[in-house]
Amino acid sequence: MKKALAAKSEAEQISWAHHQAYIALGTLLAAAASMRIDSCPMTGIDSRAYDQILGLNDLGLETSAIVALGLRSSRDHSSDLPKVRFDYDDFVIRR
């Protein structure tokens, strides 16, 4: 594994590291769900700002994704409302 990773360019190594983070993210989300902890993964964020605020640049690290974790408020009346989902046939095209 070390040889394969060393053979990659720096850009390829960074991409590989981000993909590894997504594997860990999936495990985190599954673990949170099993503990009945709400979670919301987010990408498309200002990762440079997160890197700066968290001091990741000094460590040679960068943000891949963020996750909000917590327990929903008992006062959140919308959590008991029926969920809105697209109809399967409107969302998936069969060929």
Protein backbone atom coordinates (compact mmCIF):
# COMPACT_ATOMS: atom_id res chain seq x y z
CA MET A 1 0.00 0.00 0.00
CA LYS A 2 2.81 2.38 0.87
CA LYS A 3 4.47 1.75 -2.51
CA ALA A 4 1.23 2.25 -4.40
CA LEU A 5 0.52 5.51 -2.57
CA ALA A 6 4.09 6.74 -3.01
CA ALA A 7 3.81 6.16 -6.77
CA LYS A 8 0.92 8.63 -7.00
CA SER A 9 1.34 12.33 -7.68
CA GLU A 10 0.65 14.76 -4.84
CA ALA A 11 -2.75 15.60 -6.36
CA GLU A 12 -3.60 11.89 -6.61
CA GLN A 13 -2.53 11.35 -2.99
CA ILE A 14 -4.76 14.21 -1.83
CA SER A 15 -7.69 12.81 -3.82
CA TRP A 16 -7.05 9.35 -2.34
CA ALA A 17 -6.99 10.83 1.18
CA HIS A 18 -10.32 12.59 0.62
CA HIS A 19 -11.86 9.30 -0.55
CA GLN A 20 -10.55 7.59 2.59
CA ALA A 21 -12.25 10.30 4.66
CA TYR A 22 -15.56 9.44 3.00
CA ILE A 23 -15.17 5.82 4.13
CA ALA A 24 -14.73 7.03 7.70
CA LEU A 25 -17.65 9.40 7.23
CA GLY A 26 -19.90 6.50 6.28
CA THR A 27 -18.85 4.61 9.40
CA LEU A 28 -19.52 7.67 11.55
CA LEU A 29 -23.01 8.12 10.10
CA ALA A 30 -23.86 4.44 10.59
CA ALA A 31 -22.57 4.49 14.17
CA ALA A 32 -24.53 7.66 14.95
CA ALA A 33 -27.71 6.17 13.51
CA SER A 34 -27.27 3.00 15.58
CA MET A 35 -26.99 5.21 18.68
CA ARG A 36 -30.05 7.21 17.62
CA ILE A 37 -27.94 10.34 17.16
CA ASP A 38 -29.04 12.61 14.34
CA SER A 39 -26.42 13.50 11.75
CA CYS A 40 -26.12 15.68 8.69
CA PRO A 41 -23.03 15.28 6.47
CA MET A 42 -22.10 18.32 4.40
CA THR A 43 -19.83 18.94 1.44
CA GLY A 44 -19.69 21.92 -0.88
CA ILE A 45 -18.53 23.98 2.08
CA ASP A 46 -15.85 26.67 2.28
CA SER A 47 -13.17 24.13 3.16
CA ARG A 48 -10.39 26.74 3.10
CA ALA A 49 -12.16 28.68 5.84
CA TYR A 50 -12.53 25.50 7.92
CA ASP A 51 -8.85 24.72 7.36
CA GLN A 52 -7.87 28.18 8.54
CA ILE A 53 -10.18 28.27 11.58
CA LEU A 54 -9.15 24.78 12.71
CA GLY A 55 -5.45 25.38 12.04
CA LEU A 56 -5.30 22.46 9.63
CA ASN A 57 -2.95 24.23 7.23
CA ASP A 58 -0.20 24.17 9.86
CA LEU A 59 -0.64 20.40 10.17
CA GLY A 60 -0.58 19.74 6.42
CA LEU A 61 -4.24 18.72 6.50
CA GLU A 62 -7.38 19.91 4.76
CA THR A 63 -11.12 19.56 5.19
CA SER A 64 -12.96 16.91 3.16
CA ALA A 65 -16.44 17.15 4.69
CA ILE A 66 -18.13 18.20 7.90
CA VAL A 67 -20.83 16.50 9.97
CA ALA A 68 -23.35 17.98 12.36
CA LEU A 69 -24.18 15.52 15.15
CA GLY A 70 -26.73 15.86 17.91
CA LEU A 71 -30.09 15.01 19.32
CA ARG A 72 -33.16 16.70 17.90
CA SER A 73 -35.09 18.97 20.19
CA SER A 74 -38.20 17.57 21.79
CA ARG A 75 -39.78 20.91 20.81
CA ASP A 76 -39.16 20.22 17.09
CA HIS A 77 -42.72 19.66 15.94
CA SER A 78 -41.65 19.17 12.33
CA SER A 79 -39.74 15.98 13.22
CA ASP A 80 -43.05 14.12 13.62
CA LEU A 81 -44.51 15.27 10.31
CA PRO A 82 -44.69 12.83 7.42
CA LYS A 83 -41.57 12.96 5.26
CA VAL A 84 -41.84 14.17 1.69
CA ARG A 85 -40.25 11.80 -0.79
CA PHE A 86 -40.22 11.72 -4.56
CA ASP A 87 -42.21 8.93 -6.13
CA TYR A 88 -39.78 6.20 -7.20
CA ASP A 89 -40.97 6.21 -10.80
CA ASP A 90 -40.55 10.00 -11.05
CA PHE A 91 -37.03 9.79 -9.71
CA VAL A 92 -35.61 6.63 -11.33
CA ILE A 93 -35.56 6.12 -15.08
CA ARG A 94 -35.83 2.47 -16.14
CA ARG A 95 -34.27 1.36 -19.38
